[in-house]
């Protein structure tokens, strides 16, 4: 078995054990983006409520 074949076998075994690093990174980033979207949506609702209250007070 060549050195490259051995390296490929080892890398494949490691990736299968822990999931691929790219898949993990994508899942983490997706979670981060979803959290940021939820925070932005909440901030937008607060802003809308505030502006609605302010427009009725004038």
PDB file of N, CA and C in Angstrom:
ATOM      1  N   UNK A   1       0.852  -1.171   0.000  1.00  0.00           N
ATOM      2  CA  UNK A   1       0.000   0.000   0.000  1.00  0.00           C
ATOM      3  C   UNK A   1       0.902   1.240   0.000  1.00  0.00           C
ATOM      4  N   UNK A   2       0.593   2.156  -0.884  1.00  0.00           N
ATOM      5  CA  UNK A   2       1.405   3.368  -0.966  1.00  0.00           C
ATOM      6  C   UNK A   2       1.094   4.298   0.213  1.00  0.00           C
ATOM      7  N   UNK A   3       1.959   5.243   0.413  1.00  0.00           N
ATOM      8  CA  UNK A   3       1.779   6.207   1.496  1.00  0.00           C
ATOM      9  C   UNK A   3       0.497   7.010   1.271  1.00  0.00           C
ATOM     10  N   UNK A   4       0.242   7.389   0.013  1.00  0.00           N
ATOM     11  CA  UNK A   4      -0.958   8.173  -0.294  1.00  0.00           C
ATOM     12  C   UNK A   4      -2.228   7.370  -0.033  1.00  0.00           C
ATOM     13  N   UNK A   5      -2.212   6.101  -0.365  1.00  0.00           N
ATOM     14  CA  UNK A   5      -3.373   5.248  -0.116  1.00  0.00           C
ATOM     15  C   UNK A   5      -3.603   5.109   1.384  1.00  0.00           C
ATOM     16  N   UNK A   6      -2.545   4.960   2.139  1.00  0.00           N
ATOM     17  CA  UNK A   6      -2.662   4.846   3.589  1.00  0.00           C
ATOM     18  C   UNK A   6      -3.218   6.134   4.196  1.00  0.00           C
ATOM     19  N   UNK A   7      -2.729   7.268   3.722  1.00  0.00           N
ATOM     20  CA  UNK A   7      -3.222   8.558   4.207  1.00  0.00           C
ATOM     21  C   UNK A   7      -4.707   8.698   3.892  1.00  0.00           C
ATOM     22  N   UNK A   8      -5.094   8.304   2.686  1.00  0.00           N
ATOM     23  CA  UNK A   8      -6.497   8.397   2.287  1.00  0.00           C
ATOM     24  C   UNK A   8      -7.371   7.527   3.195  1.00  0.00           C
ATOM     25  N   UNK A   9      -6.915   6.331   3.502  1.00  0.00           N
ATOM     26  CA  UNK A   9      -7.663   5.435   4.384  1.00  0.00           C
ATOM     27  C   UNK A   9      -7.802   6.055   5.770  1.00  0.00           C
ATOM     28  N   UNK A  10      -6.718   6.630   6.288  1.00  0.00           N
ATOM     29  CA  UNK A  10      -6.756   7.243   7.614  1.00  0.00           C
ATOM     30  C   UNK A  10      -7.680   8.460   7.655  1.00  0.00           C
ATOM     31  N   UNK A  11      -7.597   9.306   6.644  1.00  0.00           N
ATOM     32  CA  UNK A  11      -8.446  10.499   6.589  1.00  0.00           C
ATOM     33  C   UNK A  11      -9.913  10.091   6.481  1.00  0.00           C
ATOM     34  N   UNK A  12     -10.195   9.099   5.668  1.00  0.00           N
ATOM     35  CA  UNK A  12     -11.569   8.624   5.525  1.00  0.00           C
ATOM     36  C   UNK A  12     -12.093   8.078   6.847  1.00  0.00           C
ATOM     37  N   UNK A  13     -11.280   7.333   7.558  1.00  0.00           N
ATOM     38  CA  UNK A  13     -11.690   6.776   8.849  1.00  0.00           C
ATOM     39  C   UNK A  13     -11.963   7.882   9.854  1.00  0.00           C
ATOM     40  N   UNK A  14     -11.121   8.888   9.883  1.00  0.00           N
ATOM     41  CA  UNK A  14     -11.305  10.010  10.812  1.00  0.00           C
ATOM     42  C   UNK A  14     -12.578  10.776  10.466  1.00  0.00           C
ATOM     43  N   UNK A  15     -12.782  11.048   9.189  1.00  0.00           N
ATOM     44  CA  UNK A  15     -13.974  11.783   8.764  1.00  0.00           C
ATOM     45  C   UNK A  15     -15.244  11.006   9.055  1.00  0.00           C
ATOM     46  N   UNK A  16     -15.221   9.700   8.863  1.00  0.00           N
ATOM     47  CA  UNK A  16     -16.408   8.892   9.135  1.00  0.00           C
ATOM     48  C   UNK A  16     -16.727   8.849  10.618  1.00  0.00           C
ATOM     49  N   UNK A  17     -15.713   8.928  11.433  1.00  0.00           N
ATOM     50  CA  UNK A  17     -15.907   8.874  12.878  1.00  0.00           C
ATOM     51  C   UNK A  17     -16.536  10.159  13.399  1.00  0.00           C
ATOM     52  N   UNK A  18     -16.100  11.297  12.932  1.00  0.00           N
ATOM     53  CA  UNK A  18     -16.549  12.571  13.492  1.00  0.00           C
ATOM     54  C   UNK A  18     -17.404  13.376  12.528  1.00  0.00           C
ATOM     55  N   UNK A  19     -17.747  12.848  11.371  1.00  0.00           N
ATOM     56  CA  UNK A  19     -18.417  13.657  10.366  1.00  0.00           C
ATOM     57  C   UNK A  19     -17.376  14.519   9.682  1.00  0.00           C
ATOM     58  N   UNK A  20     -17.653  14.941   8.494  1.00  0.00           N
ATOM     59  CA  UNK A  20     -16.647  15.724   7.798  1.00  0.00           C
ATOM     60  C   UNK A  20     -16.566  17.121   8.396  1.00  0.00           C
ATOM     61  N   UNK A  21     -15.387  17.680   8.418  1.00  0.00           N
ATOM     62  CA  UNK A  21     -15.234  19.036   8.962  1.00  0.00           C
ATOM     63  C   UNK A  21     -16.109  20.052   8.221  1.00  0.00           C
ATOM     64  N   UNK A  22     -16.246  19.885   6.924  1.00  0.00           N
ATOM     65  CA  UNK A  22     -17.063  20.819   6.160  1.00  0.00           C
ATOM     66  C   UNK A  22     -18.528  20.730   6.581  1.00  0.00           C
ATOM     67  N   UNK A  23     -19.033  19.525   6.748  1.00  0.00           N
ATOM     68  CA  UNK A  23     -20.419  19.358   7.186  1.00  0.00           C
ATOM     69  C   UNK A  23     -20.635  19.993   8.555  1.00  0.00           C
ATOM     70  N   UNK A  24     -19.680  19.794   9.456  1.00  0.00           N
ATOM     71  CA  UNK A  24     -19.792  20.388  10.791  1.00  0.00           C
ATOM     72  C   UNK A  24     -19.776  21.899  10.712  1.00  0.00           C
ATOM     73  N   UNK A  25     -18.898  22.437   9.881  1.00  0.00           N
ATOM     74  CA  UNK A  25     -18.802  23.892   9.732  1.00  0.00           C
ATOM     75  C   UNK A  25     -20.096  24.459   9.149  1.00  0.00           C
ATOM     76  N   UNK A  26     -20.667  23.765   8.167  1.00  0.00           N
ATOM     77  CA  UNK A  26     -21.919  24.214   7.561  1.00  0.00           C
ATOM     78  C   UNK A  26     -23.044  24.186   8.590  1.00  0.00           C
ATOM     79  N   UNK A  27     -23.127  23.132   9.389  1.00  0.00           N
ATOM     80  CA  UNK A  27     -24.164  23.045  10.416  1.00  0.00           C
ATOM     81  C   UNK A  27     -24.009  24.153  11.452  1.00  0.00           C
ATOM     82  N   UNK A  28     -22.783  24.410  11.889  1.00  0.00           N
ATOM     83  CA  UNK A  28     -22.545  25.465  12.868  1.00  0.00           C
ATOM     84  C   UNK A  28     -22.920  26.832  12.305  1.00  0.00           C
ATOM     85  N   UNK A  29     -22.523  27.079  11.068  1.00  0.00           N
ATOM     86  CA  UNK A  29     -22.806  28.378  10.438  1.00  0.00           C
ATOM     87  C   UNK A  29     -24.303  28.554  10.208  1.00  0.00           C
ATOM     88  N   UNK A  30     -24.967  27.476   9.819  1.00  0.00           N
ATOM     89  CA  UNK A  30     -26.417  27.538   9.624  1.00  0.00           C
ATOM     90  C   UNK A  30     -27.109  27.881  10.931  1.00  0.00           C
ATOM     91  N   UNK A  31     -26.674  27.254  12.023  1.00  0.00           N
ATOM     92  CA  UNK A  31     -27.252  27.537  13.331  1.00  0.00           C
ATOM     93  C   UNK A  31     -27.005  28.996  13.712  1.00  0.00           C
ATOM     94  N   UNK A  32     -25.778  29.484  13.491  1.00  0.00           N
ATOM     95  CA  UNK A  32     -25.443  30.878  13.802  1.00  0.00           C
ATOM     96  C   UNK A  32     -26.323  31.841  13.009  1.00  0.00           C
ATOM     97  N   UNK A  33     -26.503  31.550  11.725  1.00  0.00           N
ATOM     98  CA  UNK A  33     -27.324  32.425  10.884  1.00  0.00           C
ATOM     99  C   UNK A  33     -28.785  32.407  11.311  1.00  0.00           C
ATOM    100  N   UNK A  34     -29.290  31.255  11.701  1.00  0.00           N
ATOM    101  CA  UNK A  34     -30.671  31.163  12.167  1.00  0.00           C
ATOM    102  C   UNK A  34     -30.856  31.964  13.451  1.00  0.00           C
ATOM    103  N   UNK A  35     -29.898  31.891  14.350  1.00  0.00           N
ATOM    104  CA  UNK A  35     -29.970  32.675  15.588  1.00  0.00           C
ATOM    105  C   UNK A  35     -29.954  34.172  15.271  1.00  0.00           C
ATOM    106  N   UNK A  36     -29.090  34.578  14.368  1.00  0.00           N
ATOM    107  CA  UNK A  36     -29.006  35.997  13.994  1.00  0.00           C
ATOM    108  C   UNK A  36     -30.312  36.464  13.335  1.00  0.00           C
ATOM    109  N   UNK A  37     -30.917  35.607  12.513  1.00  0.00           N
ATOM    110  CA  UNK A  37     -32.181  35.961  11.859  1.00  0.00           C
ATOM    111  C   UNK A  37     -33.282  36.144  12.897  1.00  0.00           C
ATOM    112  N   UNK A  38     -33.344  35.242  13.871  1.00  0.00           N
ATOM    113  CA  UNK A  38     -34.357  35.354  14.909  1.00  0.00           C
ATOM    114  C   UNK A  38     -34.179  36.627  15.728  1.00  0.00           C
ATOM    115  N   UNK A  39     -32.934  36.978  16.029  1.00  0.00           N
ATOM    116  CA  UNK A  39     -32.662  38.210  16.771  1.00  0.00           C
ATOM    117  C   UNK A  39     -33.055  39.433  15.951  1.00  0.00           C
ATOM    118  N   UNK A  40     -32.764  39.414  14.658  1.00  0.00           N
ATOM    119  CA  UNK A  40     -33.123  40.536  13.783  1.00  0.00           C
ATOM    120  C   UNK A  40     -34.638  40.671  13.669  1.00  0.00           C
ATOM    121  N   UNK A  41     -35.338  39.548  13.559  1.00  0.00           N
ATOM    122  CA  UNK A  41     -36.799  39.579  13.504  1.00  0.00           C
ATOM    123  C   UNK A  41     -37.383  40.169  14.791  1.00  0.00           C
ATOM    124  N   UNK A  42     -36.843  39.769  15.925  1.00  0.00           N
ATOM    125  CA  UNK A  42     -37.320  40.288  17.208  1.00  0.00           C
ATOM    126  C   UNK A  42     -37.067  41.794  17.301  1.00  0.00           C
ATOM    127  N   UNK A  43     -35.892  42.228  16.881  1.00  0.00           N
ATOM    128  CA  UNK A  43     -35.567  43.661  16.916  1.00  0.00           C
ATOM    129  C   UNK A  43     -36.494  44.446  15.992  1.00  0.00           C
ATOM    130  N   UNK A  44     -36.810  43.872  14.855  1.00  0.00           N
ATOM    131  CA  UNK A  44     -37.705  44.532  13.912  1.00  0.00           C
ATOM    132  C   UNK A  44     -39.107  44.690  14.502  1.00  0.00           C
ATOM    133  N   UNK A  45     -39.586  43.661  15.205  1.00  0.00           N
ATOM    134  CA  UNK A  45     -40.904  43.747  15.840  1.00  0.00           C
ATOM    135  C   UNK A  45     -40.918  44.828  16.932  1.00  0.00           C
ATOM    136  N   UNK A  46     -39.853  44.888  17.723  1.00  0.00           N
ATOM    137  CA  UNK A  46     -39.765  45.907  18.773  1.00  0.00           C
ATOM    138  C   UNK A  46     -39.770  47.293  18.148  1.00  0.00           C
ATOM    139  N   UNK A  47     -39.011  47.465  17.085  1.00  0.00           N
ATOM    140  CA  UNK A  47     -38.956  48.764  16.403  1.00  0.00           C
ATOM    141  C   UNK A  47     -40.332  49.145  15.862  1.00  0.00           C
ATOM    142  N   UNK A  48     -41.007  48.190  15.231  1.00  0.00           N
ATOM    143  CA  UNK A  48     -42.339  48.461  14.682  1.00  0.00           C
ATOM    144  C   UNK A  48     -43.323  48.851  15.775  1.00  0.00           C
ATOM    145  N   UNK A  49     -43.278  48.124  16.880  1.00  0.00           N
ATOM    146  CA  UNK A  49     -44.166  48.451  18.008  1.00  0.00           C
ATOM    147  C   UNK A  49     -43.873  49.847  18.540  1.00  0.00           C
ATOM    148  N   UNK A  50     -42.600  50.176  18.680  1.00  0.00           N
ATOM    149  CA  UNK A  50     -42.202  51.494  19.174  1.00  0.00           C
ATOM    150  C   UNK A  50     -42.702  52.598  18.240  1.00  0.00           C
ATOM    151  N   UNK A  51     -42.491  52.409  16.951  1.00  0.00           N
ATOM    152  CA  UNK A  51     -42.927  53.431  15.995  1.00  0.00           C
ATOM    153  C   UNK A  51     -44.440  53.566  15.963  1.00  0.00           C
ATOM    154  N   UNK A  52     -45.150  52.469  16.135  1.00  0.00           N
ATOM    155  CA  UNK A  52     -46.612  52.534  16.171  1.00  0.00           C
ATOM    156  C   UNK A  52     -47.076  53.340  17.378  1.00  0.00           C
ATOM    157  N   UNK A  53     -46.460  53.131  18.523  1.00  0.00           N
ATOM    158  CA  UNK A  53     -46.814  53.875  19.729  1.00  0.00           C
ATOM    159  C   UNK A  53     -46.488  55.363  19.541  1.00  0.00           C
ATOM    160  N   UNK A  54     -45.317  55.644  19.004  1.00  0.00           N
ATOM    161  CA  UNK A  54     -44.904  57.034  18.819  1.00  0.00           C
ATOM    162  C   UNK A  54     -45.811  57.764  17.824  1.00  0.00           C
ATOM    163  N   UNK A  55     -46.267  57.088  16.791  1.00  0.00           N
ATOM    164  CA  UNK A  55     -47.096  57.752  15.791  1.00  0.00           C
ATOM    165  C   UNK A  55     -48.487  58.087  16.343  1.00  0.00           C
ATOM    166  N   UNK A  56     -48.949  57.348  17.349  1.00  0.00           N
ATOM    167  CA  UNK A  56     -50.255  57.630  17.949  1.00  0.00           C
ATOM    168  C   UNK A  56     -50.175  58.700  19.034  1.00  0.00           C
ATOM    169  N   UNK A  57     -48.981  58.993  19.499  1.00  0.00           N
ATOM    170  CA  UNK A  57     -48.827  59.987  20.571  1.00  0.00           C
ATOM    171  C   UNK A  57     -48.716  61.404  20.032  1.00  0.00           C
ATOM    172  N   UNK A  58     -48.493  61.577  18.737  1.00  0.00           N
ATOM    173  CA  UNK A  58     -48.316  62.947  18.224  1.00  0.00           C
ATOM    174  C   UNK A  58     -49.610  63.596  17.837  1.00  0.00           C
TER     175      UNK A  58
END
